[in-house]
């Protein structure tokens, strides 16, 4: 079997290794937006397909047995393109989504449906903001008038003048997150509900310091999709399809 893996996450890298170990050919496709990205084992392509139509055309000329969407939980556009291309071509599609974070005792979470909604909440919660949303969506917070620290893997283009940038790549340790929040006197945190362990330490630090968190909700997935939560479950799904075929 051969699988097209839409990657860019830690789960995708883990899955590429598991598929290779299981004797399944895997081609990982990366968007190519992150510099010095951590590459998975196996064959890798970089760059977009040209929307749903471009992906469908690629699938028609590069036959694979399945497509696995293991992109970031907030990569809604890529997921929508994968769904449409799979429907058009008849190639089976599986979505891998790690579980989101859930609140624990002591958390002060404020859900928001968008960056604009999150920005509206901030003046009611604090005056010194820590944005951990990546470089996309930063402009929504430019008009808050609050002191803001924005952490990104790669710098936005053009660099924003209204906030202080911190370039760093996870995973992050809880002790370091505590130091960062205290050093910059952060009193409100903004993040996406990405889930996983690589960046969860900021939530633990916020809980310990009683810092409120504005949590941007995930885009919802269509109900008809096949969705699993772990790389091991993907391997099982693919192997079952190989046996049944």
C-alpha atoms as a PDB file:
ATOM      1  CA  UNK A   1       0.000   0.000   0.000  1.00  0.00           C
ATOM      2  CA  UNK A   2       0.997   3.626  -0.479  1.00  0.00           C
ATOM      3  CA  UNK A   3      -0.334   6.505   1.595  1.00  0.00           C
ATOM      4  CA  UNK A   4      -0.328  10.237   1.002  1.00  0.00           C
ATOM      5  CA  UNK A   5       0.184  11.824   4.410  1.00  0.00           C
ATOM      6  CA  UNK A   6      -0.742  15.488   4.762  1.00  0.00           C
ATOM      7  CA  UNK A   7       1.673  16.398   7.519  1.00  0.00           C
ATOM      8  CA  UNK A   8       3.355  19.183   9.418  1.00  0.00           C
ATOM      9  CA  UNK A   9       2.572  17.994  12.956  1.00  0.00           C
ATOM     10  CA  UNK A  10       4.380  15.868  15.501  1.00  0.00           C
ATOM     11  CA  UNK A  11       1.727  13.187  15.079  1.00  0.00           C
ATOM     12  CA  UNK A  12       2.383  13.132  11.330  1.00  0.00           C
ATOM     13  CA  UNK A  13       6.101  12.612  11.883  1.00  0.00           C
ATOM     14  CA  UNK A  14       5.391   9.791  14.325  1.00  0.00           C
ATOM     15  CA  UNK A  15       2.916   8.254  11.902  1.00  0.00           C
ATOM     16  CA  UNK A  16       5.395   8.346   9.014  1.00  0.00           C
ATOM     17  CA  UNK A  17       7.780   6.277  11.125  1.00  0.00           C
ATOM     18  CA  UNK A  18       5.087   3.802  12.143  1.00  0.00           C
ATOM     19  CA  UNK A  19       3.912   3.343   8.551  1.00  0.00           C
ATOM     20  CA  UNK A  20       7.475   2.810   7.341  1.00  0.00           C
ATOM     21  CA  UNK A  21       8.096   0.248  10.082  1.00  0.00           C
ATOM     22  CA  UNK A  22       4.892  -1.533   9.035  1.00  0.00           C
ATOM     23  CA  UNK A  23       6.141  -1.814   5.459  1.00  0.00           C
ATOM     24  CA  UNK A  24       3.711   0.768   4.089  1.00  0.00           C
ATOM     25  CA  UNK A  25       5.025   3.317   1.595  1.00  0.00           C
ATOM     26  CA  UNK A  26       4.348   6.856   2.727  1.00  0.00           C
ATOM     27  CA  UNK A  27       4.713  10.209   1.016  1.00  0.00           C
ATOM     28  CA  UNK A  28       4.459  13.132   3.432  1.00  0.00           C
ATOM     29  CA  UNK A  29       3.285  16.429   1.984  1.00  0.00           C
ATOM     30  CA  UNK A  30       4.299  19.607   3.825  1.00  0.00           C
ATOM     31  CA  UNK A  31       2.872  23.060   3.172  1.00  0.00           C
ATOM     32  CA  UNK A  32       6.382  24.517   3.162  1.00  0.00           C
ATOM     33  CA  UNK A  33       5.483  27.550   5.257  1.00  0.00           C
ATOM     34  CA  UNK A  34       7.812  26.793   8.181  1.00  0.00           C
ATOM     35  CA  UNK A  35      11.553  27.252   7.773  1.00  0.00           C
ATOM     36  CA  UNK A  36      13.822  24.458   9.006  1.00  0.00           C
ATOM     37  CA  UNK A  37      10.815  22.195   9.504  1.00  0.00           C
ATOM     38  CA  UNK A  38      11.423  18.857  11.197  1.00  0.00           C
ATOM     39  CA  UNK A  39      11.233  16.286   8.432  1.00  0.00           C
ATOM     40  CA  UNK A  40       9.679  12.832   8.816  1.00  0.00           C
ATOM     41  CA  UNK A  41      11.198   9.598   7.589  1.00  0.00           C
ATOM     42  CA  UNK A  42      10.332   8.517   4.084  1.00  0.00           C
ATOM     43  CA  UNK A  43       9.571  10.486   0.947  1.00  0.00           C
ATOM     44  CA  UNK A  44       8.661  14.162   1.386  1.00  0.00           C
ATOM     45  CA  UNK A  45       7.166  16.781  -0.928  1.00  0.00           C
ATOM     46  CA  UNK A  46       6.894  20.471  -0.096  1.00  0.00           C
ATOM     47  CA  UNK A  47       4.396  23.038  -1.325  1.00  0.00           C
ATOM     48  CA  UNK A  48       0.672  23.191  -1.932  1.00  0.00           C
ATOM     49  CA  UNK A  49      -1.365  21.299  -4.484  1.00  0.00           C
ATOM     50  CA  UNK A  50      -3.390  24.204  -5.820  1.00  0.00           C
ATOM     51  CA  UNK A  51      -6.587  23.764  -3.860  1.00  0.00           C
ATOM     52  CA  UNK A  52      -9.025  20.870  -3.895  1.00  0.00           C
ATOM     53  CA  UNK A  53      -8.959  20.655  -7.684  1.00  0.00           C
ATOM     54  CA  UNK A  54      -5.164  20.525  -7.744  1.00  0.00           C
ATOM     55  CA  UNK A  55      -5.074  17.823  -5.087  1.00  0.00           C
ATOM     56  CA  UNK A  56      -7.678  15.787  -6.981  1.00  0.00           C
ATOM     57  CA  UNK A  57      -5.601  16.069 -10.140  1.00  0.00           C
ATOM     58  CA  UNK A  58      -2.483  15.009  -8.240  1.00  0.00           C
ATOM     59  CA  UNK A  59      -4.305  11.963  -6.866  1.00  0.00           C
ATOM     60  CA  UNK A  60      -5.451  11.054 -10.357  1.00  0.00           C
ATOM     61  CA  UNK A  61      -1.882  11.039 -11.675  1.00  0.00           C
ATOM     62  CA  UNK A  62      -0.170   9.680  -8.530  1.00  0.00           C
ATOM     63  CA  UNK A  63      -2.327   6.749  -7.383  1.00  0.00           C
ATOM     64  CA  UNK A  64      -2.330   6.071  -3.642  1.00  0.00           C
ATOM     65  CA  UNK A  65      -4.410   3.700  -1.564  1.00  0.00           C
ATOM     66  CA  UNK A  66      -5.407   6.280   1.030  1.00  0.00           C
ATOM     67  CA  UNK A  67      -4.987   9.886   2.118  1.00  0.00           C
ATOM     68  CA  UNK A  68      -4.366  10.668   5.784  1.00  0.00           C
ATOM     69  CA  UNK A  69      -4.945  14.244   6.869  1.00  0.00           C
ATOM     70  CA  UNK A  70      -2.648  14.756   9.867  1.00  0.00           C
ATOM     71  CA  UNK A  71      -2.410  18.522   9.504  1.00  0.00           C
ATOM     72  CA  UNK A  72      -2.822  20.955  12.382  1.00  0.00           C
ATOM     73  CA  UNK A  73      -6.307  21.022  13.963  1.00  0.00           C
ATOM     74  CA  UNK A  74      -6.669  24.619  12.715  1.00  0.00           C
ATOM     75  CA  UNK A  75      -5.624  23.913   9.111  1.00  0.00           C
ATOM     76  CA  UNK A  76      -9.279  23.994   8.096  1.00  0.00           C
ATOM     77  CA  UNK A  77      -8.637  24.971   4.487  1.00  0.00           C
ATOM     78  CA  UNK A  78      -6.321  22.028   3.819  1.00  0.00           C
ATOM     79  CA  UNK A  79      -8.763  19.648   5.461  1.00  0.00           C
ATOM     80  CA  UNK A  80     -11.614  20.989   3.323  1.00  0.00           C
ATOM     81  CA  UNK A  81      -9.480  20.514   0.194  1.00  0.00           C
ATOM     82  CA  UNK A  82      -8.646  16.942   1.222  1.00  0.00           C
ATOM     83  CA  UNK A  83     -12.310  16.130   1.795  1.00  0.00           C
ATOM     84  CA  UNK A  84     -13.334  17.474  -1.601  1.00  0.00           C
ATOM     85  CA  UNK A  85     -10.445  15.806  -3.454  1.00  0.00           C
ATOM     86  CA  UNK A  86     -11.152  12.455  -1.805  1.00  0.00           C
ATOM     87  CA  UNK A  87     -14.830  12.736  -2.722  1.00  0.00           C
ATOM     88  CA  UNK A  88     -13.968  13.601  -6.319  1.00  0.00           C
ATOM     89  CA  UNK A  89     -11.440  10.807  -6.812  1.00  0.00           C
ATOM     90  CA  UNK A  90     -12.898   8.123  -4.547  1.00  0.00           C
ATOM     91  CA  UNK A  91      -9.643   7.758  -2.609  1.00  0.00           C
ATOM     92  CA  UNK A  92     -10.309   6.794   1.045  1.00  0.00           C
ATOM     93  CA  UNK A  93      -9.610   9.621   3.507  1.00  0.00           C
ATOM     94  CA  UNK A  94      -8.801   9.348   7.205  1.00  0.00           C
ATOM     95  CA  UNK A  95      -8.371  12.362   9.493  1.00  0.00           C
ATOM     96  CA  UNK A  96      -5.926  12.200  12.408  1.00  0.00           C
ATOM     97  CA  UNK A  97      -6.730  14.777  15.084  1.00  0.00           C
ATOM     98  CA  UNK A  98      -5.156  14.719  18.514  1.00  0.00           C
ATOM     99  CA  UNK A  99      -7.649  15.431  21.321  1.00  0.00           C
ATOM    100  CA  UNK A 100      -8.056  19.015  22.418  1.00  0.00           C
ATOM    101  CA  UNK A 101      -7.152  20.248  25.872  1.00  0.00           C
ATOM    102  CA  UNK A 102      -9.784  20.130  28.606  1.00  0.00           C
ATOM    103  CA  UNK A 103      -9.906  22.436  31.643  1.00  0.00           C
ATOM    104  CA  UNK A 104      -8.626  21.318  35.015  1.00  0.00           C
ATOM    105  CA  UNK A 105      -9.361  22.658  38.506  1.00  0.00           C
ATOM    106  CA  UNK A 106      -7.897  26.143  38.830  1.00  0.00           C
ATOM    107  CA  UNK A 107      -8.139  26.989  35.130  1.00  0.00           C
ATOM    108  CA  UNK A 108      -9.775  30.278  34.129  1.00  0.00           C
ATOM    109  CA  UNK A 109     -10.623  29.686  30.467  1.00  0.00           C
ATOM    110  CA  UNK A 110     -12.582  32.002  28.187  1.00  0.00           C
ATOM    111  CA  UNK A 111     -13.568  30.370  24.887  1.00  0.00           C
ATOM    112  CA  UNK A 112     -13.717  32.389  21.664  1.00  0.00           C
ATOM    113  CA  UNK A 113     -14.829  31.406  18.177  1.00  0.00           C
ATOM    114  CA  UNK A 114     -12.340  33.613  16.303  1.00  0.00           C
ATOM    115  CA  UNK A 115      -9.332  35.871  16.698  1.00  0.00           C
ATOM    116  CA  UNK A 116     -11.608  38.901  16.475  1.00  0.00           C
ATOM    117  CA  UNK A 117     -13.771  37.577  19.299  1.00  0.00           C
ATOM    118  CA  UNK A 118     -10.671  36.784  21.361  1.00  0.00           C
ATOM    119  CA  UNK A 119      -9.329  40.305  20.882  1.00  0.00           C
ATOM    120  CA  UNK A 120     -12.619  41.758  22.140  1.00  0.00           C
ATOM    121  CA  UNK A 121     -12.308  39.787  25.377  1.00  0.00           C
ATOM    122  CA  UNK A 122      -8.784  40.909  26.249  1.00  0.00           C
ATOM    123  CA  UNK A 123      -9.378  44.391  27.726  1.00  0.00           C
ATOM    124  CA  UNK A 124     -11.778  42.819  30.241  1.00  0.00           C
ATOM    125  CA  UNK A 125      -9.195  40.261  31.381  1.00  0.00           C
ATOM    126  CA  UNK A 126      -5.791  41.944  31.513  1.00  0.00           C
ATOM    127  CA  UNK A 127      -3.352  44.540  30.241  1.00  0.00           C
ATOM    128  CA  UNK A 128      -0.283  42.459  29.321  1.00  0.00           C
ATOM    129  CA  UNK A 129      -1.016  39.820  26.695  1.00  0.00           C
ATOM    130  CA  UNK A 130       0.889  36.706  25.647  1.00  0.00           C
ATOM    131  CA  UNK A 131      -0.183  35.544  22.175  1.00  0.00           C
ATOM    132  CA  UNK A 132       0.704  31.940  21.303  1.00  0.00           C
ATOM    133  CA  UNK A 133      -1.347  31.624  18.128  1.00  0.00           C
ATOM    134  CA  UNK A 134       1.452  31.533  15.556  1.00  0.00           C
ATOM    135  CA  UNK A 135       2.070  34.258  13.009  1.00  0.00           C
ATOM    136  CA  UNK A 136      -1.270  33.965  11.227  1.00  0.00           C
ATOM    137  CA  UNK A 137      -4.072  35.954  12.787  1.00  0.00           C
ATOM    138  CA  UNK A 138      -1.865  38.422  14.662  1.00  0.00           C
ATOM    139  CA  UNK A 139      -3.406  41.452  12.949  1.00  0.00           C
ATOM    140  CA  UNK A 140      -6.702  40.856  14.766  1.00  0.00           C
ATOM    141  CA  UNK A 141      -5.022  41.925  18.021  1.00  0.00           C
ATOM    142  CA  UNK A 142      -3.293  45.057  16.730  1.00  0.00           C
ATOM    143  CA  UNK A 143      -6.053  47.403  17.853  1.00  0.00           C
ATOM    144  CA  UNK A 144      -6.393  46.307  21.476  1.00  0.00           C
ATOM    145  CA  UNK A 145      -3.943  48.928  22.730  1.00  0.00           C
ATOM    146  CA  UNK A 146      -2.543  46.386  25.205  1.00  0.00           C
ATOM    147  CA  UNK A 147       1.104  45.481  25.707  1.00  0.00           C
ATOM    148  CA  UNK A 148       1.568  42.254  23.764  1.00  0.00           C
ATOM    149  CA  UNK A 149       4.192  39.543  23.471  1.00  0.00           C
ATOM    150  CA  UNK A 150       3.681  37.282  20.439  1.00  0.00           C
ATOM    151  CA  UNK A 151       5.530  33.965  20.174  1.00  0.00           C
ATOM    152  CA  UNK A 152       6.004  32.481  16.697  1.00  0.00           C
ATOM    153  CA  UNK A 153       8.222  29.871  15.070  1.00  0.00           C
ATOM    154  CA  UNK A 154       8.902  32.115  12.064  1.00  0.00           C
ATOM    155  CA  UNK A 155       8.656  35.916  11.937  1.00  0.00           C
ATOM    156  CA  UNK A 156       5.563  37.450  10.351  1.00  0.00           C
ATOM    157  CA  UNK A 157       6.058  39.416   7.151  1.00  0.00           C
ATOM    158  CA  UNK A 158       6.111  42.333   7.514  1.00  0.00           C
ATOM    159  CA  UNK A 159       7.147  42.309  11.192  1.00  0.00           C
ATOM    160  CA  UNK A 160       4.437  43.963  13.335  1.00  0.00           C
ATOM    161  CA  UNK A 161       5.401  47.176  15.100  1.00  0.00           C
ATOM    162  CA  UNK A 162       2.634  47.019  17.709  1.00  0.00           C
ATOM    163  CA  UNK A 163       3.899  43.957  19.636  1.00  0.00           C
ATOM    164  CA  UNK A 164       7.102  42.367  20.866  1.00  0.00           C
ATOM    165  CA  UNK A 165       8.074  39.209  18.975  1.00  0.00           C
ATOM    166  CA  UNK A 166       9.568  36.088  20.530  1.00  0.00           C
ATOM    167  CA  UNK A 167      10.783  33.499  18.014  1.00  0.00           C
ATOM    168  CA  UNK A 168      10.851  30.010  19.527  1.00  0.00           C
ATOM    169  CA  UNK A 169       9.894  26.461  18.674  1.00  0.00           C
ATOM    170  CA  UNK A 170       8.403  23.990  21.157  1.00  0.00           C
ATOM    171  CA  UNK A 171       8.276  21.815  23.073  1.00  0.00           C
ATOM    172  CA  UNK A 172       8.429  24.128  26.067  1.00  0.00           C
ATOM    173  CA  UNK A 173       9.087  23.204  29.690  1.00  0.00           C
ATOM    174  CA  UNK A 174       6.725  24.360  32.415  1.00  0.00           C
ATOM    175  CA  UNK A 175       9.537  26.003  34.399  1.00  0.00           C
ATOM    176  CA  UNK A 176      10.521  28.070  31.365  1.00  0.00           C
ATOM    177  CA  UNK A 177       6.917  29.081  30.736  1.00  0.00           C
ATOM    178  CA  UNK A 178       6.564  30.153  34.353  1.00  0.00           C
ATOM    179  CA  UNK A 179       9.697  32.281  34.072  1.00  0.00           C
ATOM    180  CA  UNK A 180       8.473  33.858  30.835  1.00  0.00           C
ATOM    181  CA  UNK A 181       5.057  34.771  32.230  1.00  0.00           C
ATOM    182  CA  UNK A 182       6.576  36.233  35.366  1.00  0.00           C
ATOM    183  CA  UNK A 183       9.399  38.055  33.587  1.00  0.00           C
ATOM    184  CA  UNK A 184       6.986  39.856  31.270  1.00  0.00           C
ATOM    185  CA  UNK A 185       4.258  40.236  33.923  1.00  0.00           C
ATOM    186  CA  UNK A 186       1.760  38.502  31.662  1.00  0.00           C
ATOM    187  CA  UNK A 187      -1.800  38.680  32.993  1.00  0.00           C
ATOM    188  CA  UNK A 188      -3.717  37.106  30.092  1.00  0.00           C
ATOM    189  CA  UNK A 189      -2.801  34.314  27.668  1.00  0.00           C
ATOM    190  CA  UNK A 190      -4.292  33.707  24.213  1.00  0.00           C
ATOM    191  CA  UNK A 191      -3.907  30.348  22.510  1.00  0.00           C
ATOM    192  CA  UNK A 192      -5.610  27.854  20.228  1.00  0.00           C
ATOM    193  CA  UNK A 193      -6.924  24.571  21.568  1.00  0.00           C
ATOM    194  CA  UNK A 194      -4.231  22.654  19.702  1.00  0.00           C
ATOM    195  CA  UNK A 195      -4.019  19.775  22.158  1.00  0.00           C
ATOM    196  CA  UNK A 196      -0.975  17.583  22.659  1.00  0.00           C
ATOM    197  CA  UNK A 197       1.953  17.913  25.037  1.00  0.00           C
ATOM    198  CA  UNK A 198       4.458  20.029  23.101  1.00  0.00           C
ATOM    199  CA  UNK A 199       2.898  23.368  24.057  1.00  0.00           C
ATOM    200  CA  UNK A 200       0.658  22.430  26.995  1.00  0.00           C
ATOM    201  CA  UNK A 201       3.156  23.754  29.562  1.00  0.00           C
ATOM    202  CA  UNK A 202       1.919  27.322  29.076  1.00  0.00           C
ATOM    203  CA  UNK A 203      -1.500  26.220  30.338  1.00  0.00           C
ATOM    204  CA  UNK A 204       0.043  24.619  33.419  1.00  0.00           C
ATOM    205  CA  UNK A 205       2.017  27.810  34.070  1.00  0.00           C
ATOM    206  CA  UNK A 206      -1.078  29.979  33.621  1.00  0.00           C
ATOM    207  CA  UNK A 207      -2.983  27.773  36.062  1.00  0.00           C
ATOM    208  CA  UNK A 208      -0.261  28.083  38.699  1.00  0.00           C
ATOM    209  CA  UNK A 209      -0.118  31.869  38.313  1.00  0.00           C
ATOM    210  CA  UNK A 210      -3.908  32.253  38.049  1.00  0.00           C
ATOM    211  CA  UNK A 211      -3.588  33.865  34.631  1.00  0.00           C
ATOM    212  CA  UNK A 212      -6.803  33.779  32.567  1.00  0.00           C
ATOM    213  CA  UNK A 213      -6.628  32.024  29.196  1.00  0.00           C
ATOM    214  CA  UNK A 214      -8.546  32.982  26.063  1.00  0.00           C
ATOM    215  CA  UNK A 215      -8.911  29.724  24.155  1.00  0.00           C
ATOM    216  CA  UNK A 216      -9.859  29.816  20.499  1.00  0.00           C
ATOM    217  CA  UNK A 217     -12.150  26.940  19.586  1.00  0.00           C
ATOM    218  CA  UNK A 218     -11.209  24.404  16.924  1.00  0.00           C
ATOM    219  CA  UNK A 219     -12.914  24.371  13.534  1.00  0.00           C
ATOM    220  CA  UNK A 220     -15.502  21.615  13.541  1.00  0.00           C
ATOM    221  CA  UNK A 221     -15.069  18.573  11.307  1.00  0.00           C
ATOM    222  CA  UNK A 222     -17.929  17.217   9.190  1.00  0.00           C
ATOM    223  CA  UNK A 223     -19.737  14.364  10.915  1.00  0.00           C
ATOM    224  CA  UNK A 224     -19.356  11.875   8.052  1.00  0.00           C
ATOM    225  CA  UNK A 225     -15.535  11.759   8.214  1.00  0.00           C
ATOM    226  CA  UNK A 226     -13.464   8.856   9.502  1.00  0.00           C
ATOM    227  CA  UNK A 227     -11.508  10.414  12.389  1.00  0.00           C
ATOM    228  CA  UNK A 228      -8.989   8.882  14.794  1.00  0.00           C
ATOM    229  CA  UNK A 229      -6.922  10.403  17.595  1.00  0.00           C
ATOM    230  CA  UNK A 230      -3.570   8.604  17.472  1.00  0.00           C
ATOM    231  CA  UNK A 231      -0.982   7.491  14.900  1.00  0.00           C
ATOM    232  CA  UNK A 232      -1.360   3.872  16.046  1.00  0.00           C
ATOM    233  CA  UNK A 233      -5.058   4.001  15.194  1.00  0.00           C
ATOM    234  CA  UNK A 234      -4.162   5.197  11.690  1.00  0.00           C
ATOM    235  CA  UNK A 235      -1.879   2.205  11.148  1.00  0.00           C
ATOM    236  CA  UNK A 236      -4.639  -0.148  12.267  1.00  0.00           C
ATOM    237  CA  UNK A 237      -7.147   1.509   9.919  1.00  0.00           C
ATOM    238  CA  UNK A 238      -4.770   1.220   6.959  1.00  0.00           C
ATOM    239  CA  UNK A 239      -3.851  -2.376   7.709  1.00  0.00           C
ATOM    240  CA  UNK A 240      -7.512  -3.346   7.960  1.00  0.00           C
ATOM    241  CA  UNK A 241      -8.156  -1.772   4.573  1.00  0.00           C
ATOM    242  CA  UNK A 242      -5.216  -3.704   3.112  1.00  0.00           C
ATOM    243  CA  UNK A 243      -6.484  -6.986   4.511  1.00  0.00           C
ATOM    244  CA  UNK A 244     -10.046  -6.367   3.350  1.00  0.00           C
ATOM    245  CA  UNK A 245      -8.858  -5.343  -0.124  1.00  0.00           C
END
